[in-house]
Every structure is written in structure tokens, then in C-alpha cells.
């Protein structure tokens, strides 16, 4: 069996109204003298004073970097700025994009990376993977965070749609693990039982509590911890296999042909409904779970046109031909794509 590397977060802190302790957290990781802070303008405006005060208390110097362009452009531009900082640590503060940009820059420069999410919209907050939108959109391995710092109060203030999207990304793990099993059975691919079960647990937590969430609202801490666990599952597997299957290929296909339509987790959730039917899983239960948590179950809810959805289904597997998924076993014509989407009430 070929070896693979497990790179895991050293410390994960989840608290309530604890952003003022970020200095203490960073100091406990590697006692940095200088920290590069990568974020968006809006997040900086809201959190700047509290973060700076906390860093000064621990005599940590800092340089802010605003990532306000596309992922690739921001990585290139901000990376040149960060290089001049000569920092000991790079922190991504914000939603998925800021965290991904900081993660990629840290990997490129060989620096430790810390994830400080302000929204829980996908499992990238604790994983070593970055979603790249290129000619063939896909996830690439970068670096796992040295630490993850979460202020639940900040996550609560983010739009509810983002948290529901995070639930979509988690439910999609049911598809990913089933596809991973296919890869094991059909190609002799390495299959990590532990990481697969950790990923499934993250999905089942949402499935089993969705009715309660529908009545009382999403439990932010439960969702955040599940997303972190899913990210750690990928760290243990040494690949994105536990959390990325045919449903992610569908999402990546939409990134290619319909950029800007829907959030990542929303597209993965909708993809999971359809792929579940192909796999013989209970797609109705997945759809009901997504409905309970406030995530979309129909293409029109995210502004996705049926024809675009069908095309995404037909090209999805071609984006990663080396990855064995249920789409390898189905000849996905446009006619079959429409039929699948209609039979699962996605369109």
C-alpha cells in the first residue's frame, strides 16, 4: 500500500465571543513575531480593532492584506505582498475565499497557516484543500491549518444561507464515501475506514438532527464542529475522497459553465440528491434533510436553469477522469440528465 501523509491541525479552539483571545491563541501555536492577516474589506472593518488589540497584548506585529479579487488573482497579488512581510504565520480571516487564499499562499511560501472562519459554509475551514476554478475546476491539496480558531458569535451573525450551505456540504459526504467505496471495489483504490466513518458521522449528525433544526433553528456549534470533523477526515485520508465525490464534480462543473450560480454547499447538496438516486441511496431523505435545514433542493432556488444543470451532469466526470465515482458507471446523456433531475424533483 502506498504511503500517504496525515497533516492535522495542532489546536482547534471553538468559543463564544472569544475573538479578543486571538493573540493568546496564535502565541500558543508558534509564538510568532509577525503575522500576515488575509481577509476581505468587510470582515476587516468589523473585526480589526478587536484583533489588533489582542495581537498587541501578546507583542505580535501584524500586516493586513485585502483579498478582493478572484481566487487566482488574489493568490498572485497578495502572495507578493505577504512575501515582503517576512511573517512567521499566515492567517485567513473570513469566509471560504479568504481562508482558501491564505491557505494557498501559506503552502506556496512554506509558512504555517491558521484558519479563522467568519462563516461556516463549507468544510474547507479545517481541510488541506482549496477549490480552484480553472479550465477544469477541482480541489487541490495545499496545507492543513496549524490551528483553527472559531468565534461562534461571529458565525451566528453571518447570513443563515451560509450555514445552510455548510449543511449541504456535510450531507454530500454520504455520496462521497459511497463513491470512495466504488473506487476501492472497482480500482483497488486505498480506502480509509476511519476517515470514511468520520466523514459519514459528520453527515449523519445533520441528518439525524434536521427535524430539530427545522423547529428550533440550526445549532451553529454542531454545524461548525461537524465541518471541522469533515475537514479532519480529509486530513487523515490524505485526499479529499471522504468529502468529495460525484456531487462535488457536479458542483465543479457548474463552476465552469455557470460561475456565480449558487454557493458551493448548495450545489453539492442538490448534486447529492441526484447522485443518491444513482447510487441507490435514499435521495428523498437527503432532500428532506436539506429542506429542514433551509438549504435548496431545487435548481430554480439558486437560479440554475434546467439546461445548464443537465449539461453540468454530462461533463462532471470528465473534470476528474481519474476519480472513480458513480458517474463512471452511468452513460450520462442530456436526456438521462433531465430524467434524473425530474425524477428527484430537482427540476
Protein backbone atom coordinates (compact mmCIF):
# COMPACT_ATOMS: atom_id res chain seq x y z
CA UNK A 1 0.00 0.00 0.00
CA UNK A 2 1.47 3.39 -0.96
CA UNK A 3 2.16 5.76 1.93
CA UNK A 4 0.17 8.92 2.44
CA UNK A 5 0.75 11.89 4.72
CA UNK A 6 -1.62 12.94 7.50
CA UNK A 7 -1.26 16.63 8.27
CA UNK A 8 -3.60 17.62 11.12
CA UNK A 9 -4.42 20.87 12.93
CA UNK A 10 -2.47 21.16 16.19
CA UNK A 11 -5.03 23.21 18.13
CA UNK A 12 -8.71 23.86 17.45
CA UNK A 13 -10.50 26.47 19.57
CA UNK A 14 -14.27 26.99 19.42
CA UNK A 15 -15.71 29.64 21.71
CA UNK A 16 -18.38 32.29 22.12
CA UNK A 17 -17.39 35.96 21.78
CA UNK A 18 -13.73 34.97 22.03
CA UNK A 19 -12.23 36.86 19.07
CA UNK A 20 -10.43 39.02 21.64
CA UNK A 21 -8.33 35.98 22.56
CA UNK A 22 -6.86 35.52 19.10
CA UNK A 23 -3.48 36.86 20.24
CA UNK A 24 -3.25 34.26 23.00
CA UNK A 25 -4.22 31.54 20.51
CA UNK A 26 -1.56 32.50 17.94
CA UNK A 27 1.05 32.88 20.66
CA UNK A 28 0.29 29.35 21.87
CA UNK A 29 0.84 27.93 18.38
CA UNK A 30 4.33 29.13 17.48
CA UNK A 31 4.98 32.45 19.29
CA UNK A 32 5.02 34.48 16.05
CA UNK A 33 6.72 37.88 15.88
CA UNK A 34 4.89 38.90 12.69
CA UNK A 35 1.59 37.64 11.32
CA UNK A 36 0.15 38.20 7.84
CA UNK A 37 -3.63 38.63 8.05
CA UNK A 38 -5.52 37.84 4.84
CA UNK A 39 -9.16 38.93 4.77
CA UNK A 40 -11.84 40.89 2.92
CA UNK A 41 -12.65 44.57 3.41
CA UNK A 42 -15.96 43.93 5.17
CA UNK A 43 -14.53 41.46 7.68
CA UNK A 44 -11.56 43.72 8.40
CA UNK A 45 -13.86 46.65 9.09
CA UNK A 46 -15.84 44.64 11.65
CA UNK A 47 -13.04 42.78 13.45
CA UNK A 48 -9.93 44.95 13.01
CA UNK A 49 -9.94 46.73 16.39
CA UNK A 50 -10.53 43.59 18.49
CA UNK A 51 -7.93 41.56 16.61
CA UNK A 52 -5.28 44.29 16.69
CA UNK A 53 -5.79 44.92 20.41
CA UNK A 54 -5.41 41.21 21.14
CA UNK A 55 -2.28 40.87 18.99
CA UNK A 56 -0.66 43.90 20.62
CA UNK A 57 -1.27 42.37 24.06
CA UNK A 58 1.00 39.50 23.01
CA UNK A 59 3.51 41.75 21.24
CA UNK A 60 2.63 40.23 17.86
CA UNK A 61 3.22 42.51 14.88
CA UNK A 62 0.76 42.24 12.01
CA UNK A 63 0.19 43.25 8.39
CA UNK A 64 -3.30 43.26 6.84
CA UNK A 65 -3.84 42.08 3.26
CA UNK A 66 -7.14 42.54 1.46
CA UNK A 67 -8.20 39.78 -0.94
CA UNK A 68 -10.79 41.50 -3.11
CA UNK A 69 -10.24 39.84 -6.49
CA UNK A 70 -10.81 36.35 -7.89
CA UNK A 71 -9.06 33.47 -6.15
CA UNK A 72 -6.19 33.13 -8.63
CA UNK A 73 -5.59 36.89 -8.94
CA UNK A 74 -5.72 37.35 -5.16
CA UNK A 75 -3.28 34.50 -4.59
CA UNK A 76 -0.80 36.01 -7.05
CA UNK A 77 -1.15 39.62 -5.86
CA UNK A 78 -1.42 39.04 -2.12
CA UNK A 79 1.34 36.42 -2.17
CA UNK A 80 3.86 39.00 -3.41
CA UNK A 81 2.82 41.34 -0.58
CA UNK A 82 2.94 38.61 2.07
CA UNK A 83 6.42 37.59 0.93
CA UNK A 84 7.66 41.06 1.91
CA UNK A 85 6.21 40.72 5.43
CA UNK A 86 8.69 38.00 6.39
CA UNK A 87 5.95 36.75 8.68
CA UNK A 88 6.05 33.66 10.86
CA UNK A 89 2.40 32.80 10.28
CA UNK A 90 -0.35 33.45 7.72
CA UNK A 91 -3.94 33.71 8.93
CA UNK A 92 -7.04 33.55 6.73
CA UNK A 93 -9.88 35.51 8.34
CA UNK A 94 -13.31 35.44 6.72
CA UNK A 95 -15.47 33.27 4.53
CA UNK A 96 -14.29 30.44 2.34
CA UNK A 97 -12.42 32.60 -0.17
CA UNK A 98 -10.17 34.43 2.30
CA UNK A 99 -9.35 31.17 4.09
CA UNK A 100 -8.59 29.43 0.77
CA UNK A 101 -6.36 32.29 -0.41
CA UNK A 102 -4.37 32.34 2.84
CA UNK A 103 -4.12 28.54 2.76
CA UNK A 104 -2.72 28.51 -0.78
CA UNK A 105 -0.27 31.34 -0.11
CA UNK A 106 0.98 29.61 3.04
CA UNK A 107 1.52 26.42 1.05
CA UNK A 108 3.36 28.25 -1.74
CA UNK A 109 5.61 30.11 0.69
CA UNK A 110 6.15 27.18 3.07
CA UNK A 111 4.64 29.06 6.02
CA UNK A 112 2.29 27.82 8.78
CA UNK A 113 -1.37 28.65 8.20
CA UNK A 114 -4.21 29.41 10.62
CA UNK A 115 -7.90 29.29 9.74
CA UNK A 116 -10.18 31.89 11.36
CA UNK A 117 -13.57 31.44 9.66
CA UNK A 118 -16.33 34.03 9.99
CA UNK A 119 -18.86 31.81 8.19
CA UNK A 120 -19.48 28.06 8.17
CA UNK A 121 -20.47 27.50 4.55
CA UNK A 122 -18.20 24.51 3.73
CA UNK A 123 -15.69 22.08 5.23
CA UNK A 124 -12.61 23.89 3.89
CA UNK A 125 -12.16 25.64 7.25
CA UNK A 126 -10.14 22.68 8.58
CA UNK A 127 -9.11 20.76 5.46
CA UNK A 128 -5.90 20.99 3.43
CA UNK A 129 -7.83 21.51 0.17
CA UNK A 130 -8.56 24.58 -1.94
CA UNK A 131 -11.28 24.76 -4.60
CA UNK A 132 -9.78 26.19 -7.78
CA UNK A 133 -11.88 27.48 -10.66
CA UNK A 134 -9.87 26.98 -13.80
CA UNK A 135 -10.38 25.27 -17.17
CA UNK A 136 -11.06 22.16 -15.11
CA UNK A 137 -12.34 23.32 -11.70
CA UNK A 138 -11.41 20.96 -8.89
CA UNK A 139 -9.91 20.80 -5.39
CA UNK A 140 -6.14 20.81 -4.98
CA UNK A 141 -4.13 19.91 -1.92
CA UNK A 142 -2.41 22.81 -0.17
CA UNK A 143 -1.68 22.77 3.56
CA UNK A 144 -3.72 21.80 6.59
CA UNK A 145 -4.14 24.59 9.14
CA UNK A 146 -1.73 24.62 12.07
CA UNK A 147 -4.70 25.82 14.07
CA UNK A 148 -8.39 26.65 13.70
CA UNK A 149 -9.98 29.45 15.73
CA UNK A 150 -13.75 29.91 15.73
CA UNK A 151 -15.87 32.58 17.39
CA UNK A 152 -19.40 31.13 17.32
CA UNK A 153 -20.91 34.57 17.88
CA UNK A 154 -19.37 35.81 14.62
CA UNK A 155 -20.63 32.74 12.71
CA UNK A 156 -24.14 33.36 14.10
CA UNK A 157 -24.17 36.87 12.66
CA UNK A 158 -23.36 35.66 9.13
CA UNK A 159 -26.32 35.19 6.72
CA UNK A 160 -28.26 32.00 7.52
CA UNK A 161 -27.87 30.90 3.91
CA UNK A 162 -24.16 30.32 4.54
CA UNK A 163 -24.75 27.96 7.46
CA UNK A 164 -27.38 26.06 5.47
CA UNK A 165 -24.82 25.74 2.67
CA UNK A 166 -22.40 24.19 5.18
CA UNK A 167 -25.07 21.58 5.93
CA UNK A 168 -25.32 20.83 2.20
CA UNK A 169 -21.58 20.21 2.05
CA UNK A 170 -21.85 17.84 5.01
CA UNK A 171 -24.81 15.83 3.71
CA UNK A 172 -22.87 15.38 0.46
CA UNK A 173 -20.38 13.20 2.39
CA UNK A 174 -22.89 10.34 2.11
CA UNK A 175 -22.30 10.36 -1.65
CA UNK A 176 -18.55 10.89 -1.42
CA UNK A 177 -17.96 7.89 0.84
CA UNK A 178 -20.12 5.62 -1.34
CA UNK A 179 -18.09 6.72 -4.36
CA UNK A 180 -14.88 6.07 -2.45
CA UNK A 181 -16.11 2.53 -1.78
CA UNK A 182 -16.68 2.16 -5.55
CA UNK A 183 -13.09 3.28 -6.17
CA UNK A 184 -11.91 0.63 -3.70
CA UNK A 185 -14.02 -2.14 -5.21
CA UNK A 186 -13.52 -1.33 -8.90
CA UNK A 187 -9.96 0.04 -8.95
CA UNK A 188 -8.35 -1.31 -5.79
CA UNK A 189 -8.01 2.24 -4.51
CA UNK A 190 -6.89 2.90 -0.94
CA UNK A 191 -9.95 3.25 1.32
CA UNK A 192 -9.55 4.57 4.86
CA UNK A 193 -12.22 3.07 7.09
CA UNK A 194 -11.61 5.53 9.91
CA UNK A 195 -11.67 8.68 7.80
CA UNK A 196 -14.68 7.37 5.85
CA UNK A 197 -16.63 6.80 9.07
CA UNK A 198 -15.63 10.19 10.49
CA UNK A 199 -16.93 11.80 7.32
CA UNK A 200 -20.18 9.81 7.50
CA UNK A 201 -20.62 10.79 11.14
CA UNK A 202 -20.42 14.47 10.15
CA UNK A 203 -23.22 13.90 7.64
CA UNK A 204 -25.35 11.79 9.98
CA UNK A 205 -25.23 14.46 12.70
CA UNK A 206 -27.06 16.78 10.30
CA UNK A 207 -29.41 14.08 9.01
CA UNK A 208 -30.44 12.94 12.48
CA UNK A 209 -30.96 16.45 13.87
CA UNK A 210 -32.55 18.13 10.85
CA UNK A 211 -36.11 17.91 12.20
CA UNK A 212 -35.00 19.59 15.42
CA UNK A 213 -33.17 22.24 13.38
CA UNK A 214 -36.36 22.83 11.37
CA UNK A 215 -38.23 23.61 14.60
CA UNK A 216 -35.60 25.46 16.63
CA UNK A 217 -33.13 26.70 14.01
CA UNK A 218 -29.65 25.47 13.18
CA UNK A 219 -27.30 24.79 16.07
CA UNK A 220 -24.24 26.75 14.93
CA UNK A 221 -21.81 24.90 17.15
CA UNK A 222 -22.99 21.48 15.97
CA UNK A 223 -22.61 22.50 12.31
CA UNK A 224 -19.18 24.08 12.87
CA UNK A 225 -17.87 21.03 14.74
CA UNK A 226 -19.21 18.73 12.02
CA UNK A 227 -17.49 20.82 9.31
CA UNK A 228 -14.22 20.73 11.22
CA UNK A 229 -14.54 16.94 11.68
CA UNK A 230 -15.16 16.52 7.95
CA UNK A 231 -12.06 18.58 7.18
CA UNK A 232 -10.03 16.45 9.58
CA UNK A 233 -11.36 13.32 7.84
CA UNK A 234 -9.73 14.57 4.63
CA UNK A 235 -6.51 15.29 6.52
CA UNK A 236 -6.47 11.70 7.81
CA UNK A 237 -7.26 10.24 4.38
CA UNK A 238 -4.56 12.30 2.72
CA UNK A 239 -7.05 13.14 -0.02
CA UNK A 240 -10.45 14.77 -0.49
CA UNK A 241 -12.05 11.35 -1.04
CA UNK A 242 -14.09 11.24 2.22
CA UNK A 243 -15.82 14.51 1.39
CA UNK A 244 -15.78 14.80 -2.40
CA UNK A 245 -17.46 12.51 -4.90
CA UNK A 246 -19.77 12.82 -7.90
CA UNK A 247 -21.76 15.57 -6.17
CA UNK A 248 -18.62 17.72 -5.97
CA UNK A 249 -17.84 17.02 -9.63
CA UNK A 250 -21.34 18.33 -10.41
CA UNK A 251 -20.59 21.46 -8.36
CA UNK A 252 -17.24 21.93 -10.11
CA UNK A 253 -18.95 21.54 -13.50
CA UNK A 254 -21.33 24.36 -12.57
CA UNK A 255 -18.32 26.47 -11.52
CA UNK A 256 -17.06 26.01 -15.06
CA UNK A 257 -20.22 26.65 -17.10
CA UNK A 258 -22.27 28.80 -14.72
CA UNK A 259 -19.86 30.67 -12.41
CA UNK A 260 -21.55 32.62 -9.65
CA UNK A 261 -24.69 30.47 -9.58
CA UNK A 262 -25.28 29.13 -6.06
CA UNK A 263 -22.94 28.56 -3.13
CA UNK A 264 -20.59 25.57 -3.08
CA UNK A 265 -22.52 23.69 -0.40
CA UNK A 266 -25.85 24.44 -2.06
CA UNK A 267 -24.68 22.91 -5.33
CA UNK A 268 -23.18 19.90 -3.55
CA UNK A 269 -26.46 19.37 -1.70
CA UNK A 270 -28.53 19.46 -4.89
CA UNK A 271 -25.98 17.20 -6.55
CA UNK A 272 -26.19 14.80 -3.61
CA UNK A 273 -29.95 14.35 -4.13
CA UNK A 274 -29.43 13.25 -7.73
CA UNK A 275 -26.32 11.14 -7.11
CA UNK A 276 -28.05 9.38 -4.22
CA UNK A 277 -30.67 8.07 -6.64
CA UNK A 278 -27.97 6.79 -8.99
CA UNK A 279 -26.24 5.07 -6.06
CA UNK A 280 -29.45 3.52 -4.75
CA UNK A 281 -29.40 5.61 -1.57
CA UNK A 282 -32.45 7.28 0.00
CA UNK A 283 -32.49 10.51 -2.03
CA UNK A 284 -35.84 11.56 -0.53
CA UNK A 285 -34.34 11.55 2.97
CA UNK A 286 -31.43 13.69 1.77
CA UNK A 287 -33.83 16.13 0.11
CA UNK A 288 -35.96 16.35 3.26
CA UNK A 289 -32.88 16.95 5.41
CA UNK A 290 -31.76 19.80 3.16
CA UNK A 291 -35.26 21.27 3.26
CA UNK A 292 -35.28 21.05 7.07
CA UNK A 293 -32.02 22.98 7.41
CA UNK A 294 -33.09 25.64 4.92
CA UNK A 295 -30.83 24.53 2.06
CA UNK A 296 -32.12 24.47 -1.54
CA UNK A 297 -33.36 21.22 -3.07
CA UNK A 298 -34.42 22.60 -6.46
CA UNK A 299 -32.36 24.15 -9.25
CA UNK A 300 -34.59 27.22 -9.51
CA UNK A 301 -33.91 28.11 -5.86
CA UNK A 302 -30.32 29.03 -6.78
CA UNK A 303 -31.18 30.44 -10.21
CA UNK A 304 -29.94 27.36 -12.07
CA UNK A 305 -31.57 26.73 -15.43
CA UNK A 306 -32.52 23.11 -16.28
CA UNK A 307 -30.44 23.09 -19.46
CA UNK A 308 -27.32 24.24 -17.60
CA UNK A 309 -27.93 21.64 -14.88
CA UNK A 310 -28.22 18.89 -17.49
CA UNK A 311 -25.00 19.97 -19.20
CA UNK A 312 -23.18 20.02 -15.85
CA UNK A 313 -24.24 16.44 -15.21
CA UNK A 314 -22.96 15.32 -18.62
CA UNK A 315 -19.48 16.88 -18.21
CA UNK A 316 -18.98 16.38 -14.46
CA UNK A 317 -16.96 13.14 -14.59
CA UNK A 318 -14.70 14.46 -17.36
CA UNK A 319 -13.32 17.10 -14.98
CA UNK A 320 -11.58 14.39 -12.96
CA UNK A 321 -11.46 11.25 -15.12
CA UNK A 322 -9.04 9.57 -12.71
CA UNK A 323 -11.54 9.73 -9.83
CA UNK A 324 -13.92 6.78 -9.80
CA UNK A 325 -17.49 7.82 -8.95
CA UNK A 326 -21.00 6.58 -9.73
CA UNK A 327 -20.84 8.69 -12.89
CA UNK A 328 -18.27 6.25 -14.26
CA UNK A 329 -20.98 3.60 -14.28
CA UNK A 330 -23.65 5.69 -15.99
CA UNK A 331 -23.69 6.99 -19.54
CA UNK A 332 -24.92 10.48 -18.65
CA UNK A 333 -26.59 11.82 -21.78
CA UNK A 334 -28.57 15.05 -21.75
CA UNK A 335 -31.79 13.03 -21.91
CA UNK A 336 -30.80 10.94 -18.91
CA UNK A 337 -29.68 14.05 -17.04
CA UNK A 338 -33.10 15.68 -17.48
CA UNK A 339 -34.80 12.45 -16.45
CA UNK A 340 -32.67 12.17 -13.29
CA UNK A 341 -33.30 15.78 -12.29
CA UNK A 342 -37.05 15.48 -12.87
CA UNK A 343 -37.38 12.15 -11.03
CA UNK A 344 -35.70 13.65 -7.95
CA UNK A 345 -37.77 16.85 -8.23
CA UNK A 346 -34.63 18.97 -8.63
CA UNK A 347 -36.30 20.47 -11.72
